[in-house]
Amino acid sequence: MIELLIVAGFVLVPLFLAIPLLGKYLDVRAAAVQTSRYAAWERTVWYGGNAASSLGWFGVSRRWEANEKSDDQIRREMGVRHLSETDTDDAFSNADRSAGNFKGSTKTLWQDRNGQQLLANYSDIQNSVANDLAPGTLNVILDPIANFASTLGPFVLEMNGAYSAKVTIKVKDIDFDHFLAKDSTANFSETNVLLANGWSANGAEGTDKTSVKQQVKGLVPTSIIAAEINGVKIIDYVLGALSVFLPEVSKLDPGRIVPDNVPPDRLK
């Protein structure tokens, strides 16, 4: 009986009381895994602006100018969408990216025996997302070519395709003497890496820098001399003057780009 009391008092009872806590910690770790996947995936879609890589040499800096979302906005979305106690009636919203606190509260499971929240502060969620050059010899070869093309014109082909996200969730340590949440914290960090080709053109004839026509201009040298200044194409006046002496020059159309123009015989 004495041996049973000793074993129960020092081993079985603490182990029995620790099982729910271990379950809570494992659930927090699983949430860290899911949120790191979410952060990496969001960056494959929202990678424009400051999140995009800079292309160009000699002081030229060109970036993809669409679908931008900062790391802090992704962090706030994670807190609302993945780390809050939600039900089937809750829906995602664009306002999630500017949220300042959990939606309602953190998950009900994440509390100690006295009801103290293990994840109490919204600032205890941290994340960092990076995009690097996708592995492969071809990408290494194409990267300087893309930088050269961006230096000459508006061609911006996002070469970075390895998106890595590290998410850290800080939870309160448990005082095993009193089962109260202390001021110190324990970190659960998870990293997820995705390979993706996020670049895509936004339409064919658009005037924005992400359309096919505007992108291809960077690869067509004559489009540089055919650029418009305040709606006027200087090259038209130059060709008009030359056509007086060389009539065949009037037939030239430098910088002409027609995207998605398929020859009729290819449509059969």
Protein backbone atom coordinates (compact mmCIF):
# COMPACT_ATOMS: atom_id res chain seq x y z
CA MET A 1 0.00 0.00 0.00
CA ILE A 2 2.83 2.39 0.86
CA GLU A 3 4.57 1.61 -2.44
CA LEU A 4 1.32 2.22 -4.34
CA LEU A 5 0.83 5.56 -2.61
CA ILE A 6 4.38 6.61 -3.43
CA VAL A 7 4.08 5.62 -7.11
CA ALA A 8 0.61 7.14 -7.41
CA GLY A 9 1.61 10.37 -5.66
CA PHE A 10 4.82 11.01 -7.57
CA VAL A 11 4.19 9.34 -10.94
CA LEU A 12 0.62 8.33 -11.77
CA VAL A 13 -1.24 11.38 -10.49
CA PRO A 14 1.13 13.95 -12.13
CA LEU A 15 1.05 11.91 -15.34
CA PHE A 16 -2.75 11.77 -15.25
CA LEU A 17 -2.93 15.54 -14.73
CA ALA A 18 -0.35 16.20 -17.44
CA ILE A 19 -2.16 14.27 -20.20
CA PRO A 20 -4.75 17.05 -20.90
CA LEU A 21 -1.98 19.66 -20.93
CA LEU A 22 0.07 17.62 -23.39
CA GLY A 23 -3.01 17.35 -25.58
CA LYS A 24 -3.44 21.14 -25.54
CA TYR A 25 0.22 21.66 -26.46
CA LEU A 26 -0.02 19.15 -29.30
CA ASP A 27 -3.09 20.97 -30.60
CA VAL A 28 -1.18 24.28 -30.53
CA ARG A 29 1.68 22.67 -32.44
CA ALA A 30 -0.77 21.31 -35.05
CA ALA A 31 -2.17 24.84 -35.40
CA ALA A 32 1.37 26.16 -35.96
CA VAL A 33 1.79 23.63 -38.78
CA GLN A 34 -1.49 24.66 -40.41
CA THR A 35 -0.83 28.39 -40.11
CA SER A 36 2.66 28.04 -41.60
CA ARG A 37 1.10 26.31 -44.59
CA TYR A 38 -1.48 29.09 -44.83
CA ALA A 39 1.19 31.81 -44.71
CA ALA A 40 3.30 30.13 -47.40
CA TRP A 41 0.28 29.62 -49.64
CA GLU A 42 -0.89 33.22 -49.23
CA ARG A 43 2.52 34.45 -50.36
CA THR A 44 2.31 32.39 -53.59
CA VAL A 45 -0.82 34.40 -54.46
CA TRP A 46 -0.16 37.78 -52.83
CA TYR A 47 3.48 38.33 -53.78
CA GLY A 48 3.38 41.69 -55.57
CA GLY A 49 4.64 45.10 -54.52
CA ASN A 50 7.08 45.07 -51.62
CA ALA A 51 6.72 41.27 -51.35
CA ALA A 52 8.03 40.78 -54.89
CA SER A 53 11.68 40.50 -55.79
CA SER A 54 13.44 43.45 -57.40
CA LEU A 55 14.72 42.93 -60.94
CA GLY A 56 17.14 45.10 -62.86
CA TRP A 57 20.78 46.23 -62.90
CA PHE A 58 22.60 49.55 -62.52
CA GLY A 59 20.11 50.99 -60.05
CA VAL A 60 17.01 49.85 -61.96
CA SER A 61 14.44 48.27 -59.64
CA ARG A 62 11.28 46.76 -61.11
CA ARG A 63 8.77 44.77 -59.08
CA TRP A 64 5.60 42.88 -59.81
CA GLU A 65 2.86 45.41 -59.03
CA ALA A 66 -0.20 43.27 -58.33
CA ASN A 67 -1.66 41.16 -55.50
CA GLU A 68 0.24 42.58 -52.55
CA LYS A 69 -0.21 41.51 -48.94
CA SER A 70 2.26 42.21 -46.14
CA ASP A 71 3.52 39.66 -43.61
CA ASP A 72 1.65 41.53 -40.86
CA GLN A 73 -1.63 41.30 -42.76
CA ILE A 74 -1.11 37.55 -43.19
CA ARG A 75 -0.35 37.29 -39.46
CA ARG A 76 -3.59 39.04 -38.54
CA GLU A 77 -5.56 36.76 -40.87
CA MET A 78 -4.04 33.70 -39.21
CA GLY A 79 -5.15 34.92 -35.80
CA VAL A 80 -8.75 35.40 -36.94
CA ARG A 81 -9.13 32.47 -39.30
CA HIS A 82 -7.08 29.72 -37.66
CA LEU A 83 -6.41 30.57 -34.03
CA SER A 84 -9.81 31.93 -32.97
CA GLU A 85 -12.80 29.98 -31.72
CA THR A 86 -15.12 30.02 -34.73
CA ASP A 87 -18.26 28.20 -35.83
CA THR A 88 -19.91 27.28 -39.10
CA ASP A 89 -21.59 30.69 -39.41
CA ASP A 90 -18.29 32.60 -39.48
CA ALA A 91 -16.90 33.55 -42.88
CA PHE A 92 -13.64 34.99 -44.17
CA SER A 93 -13.57 38.74 -44.74
CA ASN A 94 -11.18 41.29 -46.23
CA ALA A 95 -11.28 42.98 -42.83
CA ASP A 96 -9.43 39.99 -41.34
CA ARG A 97 -6.11 41.39 -42.59
CA SER A 98 -6.49 44.46 -40.36
CA ALA A 99 -7.90 42.70 -37.27
CA GLY A 100 -6.46 43.76 -33.93
CA ASN A 101 -7.58 40.80 -31.85
CA PHE A 102 -8.95 37.28 -31.99
CA LYS A 103 -12.44 36.75 -33.32
CA GLY A 104 -14.33 36.22 -30.08
CA SER A 105 -11.51 34.42 -28.26
CA THR A 106 -8.79 31.87 -28.82
CA LYS A 107 -9.71 28.22 -29.07
CA THR A 108 -11.61 26.98 -26.03
CA LEU A 109 -9.27 24.02 -25.67
CA TRP A 110 -6.29 26.33 -25.13
CA GLN A 111 -6.66 27.10 -21.44
CA ASP A 112 -5.37 25.73 -18.16
CA ARG A 113 -7.35 24.21 -15.32
CA ASN A 114 -8.23 27.65 -13.96
CA GLY A 115 -9.53 28.89 -17.31
CA GLN A 116 -6.46 31.04 -18.09
CA GLN A 117 -5.86 31.32 -21.84
CA LEU A 118 -2.62 29.74 -23.01
CA LEU A 119 -2.53 32.15 -26.00
CA ALA A 120 -3.62 35.42 -24.44
CA ASN A 121 -2.11 38.14 -26.63
CA TYR A 122 -2.64 38.74 -30.33
CA SER A 123 0.98 39.86 -30.56
CA ASP A 124 2.12 36.39 -29.47
CA ILE A 125 1.62 35.27 -33.10
CA GLN A 126 4.67 35.89 -35.25
CA ASN A 127 5.42 34.99 -38.84
CA SER A 128 7.99 35.68 -41.52
CA VAL A 129 7.59 34.77 -45.18
CA ALA A 130 10.45 34.71 -47.68
CA ASN A 131 10.60 33.95 -51.39
CA ASP A 132 13.83 32.78 -52.97
CA LEU A 133 15.00 31.62 -56.37
CA ALA A 134 13.44 28.26 -57.17
CA PRO A 135 16.01 25.46 -57.23
CA GLY A 136 17.21 24.25 -60.61
CA THR A 137 19.95 25.00 -63.11
CA LEU A 138 17.49 26.53 -65.59
CA ASN A 139 16.35 29.13 -63.07
CA VAL A 140 19.96 30.05 -62.31
CA ILE A 141 20.55 30.62 -66.02
CA LEU A 142 17.31 32.56 -66.61
CA ASP A 143 17.70 34.83 -63.58
CA PRO A 144 20.39 37.13 -65.08
CA ILE A 145 18.49 37.16 -68.38
CA ALA A 146 15.34 38.34 -66.58
CA ASN A 147 17.35 41.02 -64.78
CA PHE A 148 18.85 42.19 -68.08
CA ALA A 149 15.42 42.34 -69.74
CA SER A 150 14.02 44.31 -66.80
CA THR A 151 16.88 46.78 -67.08
CA LEU A 152 16.01 47.54 -70.73
CA GLY A 153 12.25 47.62 -70.42
CA PRO A 154 9.18 46.91 -68.28
CA PHE A 155 9.51 43.13 -68.50
CA VAL A 156 9.19 41.75 -64.94
CA LEU A 157 9.14 37.97 -64.70
CA GLU A 158 9.09 36.90 -61.06
CA MET A 159 11.89 34.34 -60.82
CA ASN A 160 11.52 33.53 -57.12
CA GLY A 161 9.43 30.39 -56.73
CA ALA A 162 10.45 28.96 -53.34
CA TYR A 163 8.10 30.38 -50.72
CA SER A 164 8.98 29.61 -47.09
CA ALA A 165 6.93 30.67 -44.06
CA LYS A 166 7.94 30.37 -40.41
CA VAL A 167 5.18 30.79 -37.84
CA THR A 168 5.80 31.04 -34.10
CA ILE A 169 2.99 30.78 -31.55
CA LYS A 170 3.88 31.77 -28.01
CA VAL A 171 1.82 30.14 -25.26
CA LYS A 172 1.95 30.61 -21.50
CA ASP A 173 4.03 28.17 -19.51
CA ILE A 174 2.17 26.26 -16.84
CA ASP A 175 3.17 26.39 -13.17
CA PHE A 176 2.81 22.76 -12.23
CA ASP A 177 2.58 23.63 -8.53
CA HIS A 178 -0.55 25.73 -8.90
CA PHE A 179 -1.60 25.15 -12.52
CA LEU A 180 -1.59 28.89 -13.21
CA ALA A 181 -0.37 30.68 -16.31
CA LYS A 182 2.95 32.40 -15.68
CA ASP A 183 4.50 35.36 -17.47
CA SER A 184 7.10 33.27 -19.31
CA THR A 185 6.21 31.70 -22.62
CA ALA A 186 6.95 28.59 -24.65
CA ASN A 187 7.34 28.85 -28.42
CA PHE A 188 5.92 26.50 -31.00
CA SER A 189 7.62 27.24 -34.33
CA GLU A 190 6.92 25.53 -37.63
CA THR A 191 8.26 26.17 -41.13
CA ASN A 192 6.58 25.27 -44.40
CA VAL A 193 8.06 25.58 -47.89
CA LEU A 194 6.14 25.61 -51.18
CA LEU A 195 7.40 25.64 -54.76
CA ALA A 196 5.15 27.60 -57.06
CA ASN A 197 5.15 29.66 -60.23
CA GLY A 198 3.13 32.63 -59.14
CA TRP A 199 3.68 34.75 -62.24
CA SER A 200 0.69 35.15 -64.52
CA ALA A 201 -0.38 37.89 -66.90
CA ASN A 202 -3.43 39.96 -66.09
CA GLY A 203 -5.16 39.97 -69.48
CA ALA A 204 -3.77 40.56 -72.95
CA GLU A 205 -4.29 44.18 -74.00
CA GLY A 206 -4.43 45.90 -70.62
CA THR A 207 -2.50 49.10 -70.00
CA ASP A 208 -1.35 47.99 -66.56
CA LYS A 209 2.16 46.64 -66.17
CA THR A 210 0.97 43.07 -65.56
CA SER A 211 -0.74 42.56 -68.93
CA VAL A 212 0.77 40.39 -71.65
CA LYS A 213 1.34 43.37 -73.96
CA GLN A 214 3.12 45.46 -71.34
CA GLN A 215 5.25 42.52 -70.23
CA VAL A 216 6.34 41.60 -73.74
CA LYS A 217 7.40 45.18 -74.44
CA GLY A 218 10.46 44.56 -72.34
CA LEU A 219 11.60 41.90 -74.80
CA VAL A 220 10.92 43.95 -77.94
CA PRO A 221 13.75 46.50 -78.38
CA THR A 222 11.84 48.57 -80.96
CA SER A 223 9.06 49.14 -78.43
CA ILE A 224 11.47 51.42 -76.55
CA ILE A 225 11.81 53.85 -79.47
CA ALA A 226 8.08 53.53 -80.16
CA ALA A 227 7.08 54.61 -76.65
CA GLU A 228 4.51 57.39 -76.30
CA ILE A 229 5.27 60.68 -74.54
CA ASN A 230 2.12 62.49 -73.42
CA GLY A 231 0.13 60.49 -75.94
CA VAL A 232 2.45 61.31 -78.85
CA LYS A 233 4.64 58.73 -80.61
CA ILE A 234 7.82 60.56 -81.61
CA ILE A 235 8.78 57.70 -83.93
CA ASP A 236 5.78 58.51 -86.16
CA TYR A 237 7.19 61.96 -86.91
CA VAL A 238 10.64 60.50 -87.54
CA LEU A 239 9.27 57.91 -89.96
CA GLY A 240 7.15 60.59 -91.63
CA ALA A 241 10.22 62.70 -92.30
CA LEU A 242 12.21 59.73 -93.59
CA SER A 243 9.39 58.61 -95.89
CA VAL A 244 9.94 61.73 -97.99
CA PHE A 245 13.25 60.26 -99.13
CA LEU A 246 12.50 56.58 -98.46
CA PRO A 247 8.80 55.85 -99.16
CA GLU A 248 9.11 52.25 -98.02
CA VAL A 249 9.83 53.45 -94.45
CA SER A 250 6.17 54.42 -94.09
CA LYS A 251 5.32 50.72 -94.11
CA LEU A 252 7.27 50.11 -90.91
CA ASP A 253 5.47 49.71 -87.60
CA PRO A 254 8.23 49.47 -84.96
CA GLY A 255 7.26 48.14 -81.56
CA ARG A 256 3.99 46.58 -82.76
CA ILE A 257 2.81 43.86 -80.38
CA VAL A 258 -0.37 41.86 -80.94
CA PRO A 259 -0.88 39.28 -78.16
CA ASP A 260 -2.95 36.15 -78.68
CA ASN A 261 -3.07 36.66 -82.46
CA VAL A 262 -3.32 33.17 -83.94
CA PRO A 263 -2.97 32.71 -87.75
CA PRO A 264 -6.24 31.59 -89.36
CA ASP A 265 -4.69 28.37 -90.70
CA ARG A 266 -3.93 27.35 -87.08
CA LEU A 267 -7.56 27.64 -86.05
CA LYS A 268 -8.75 24.78 -88.26
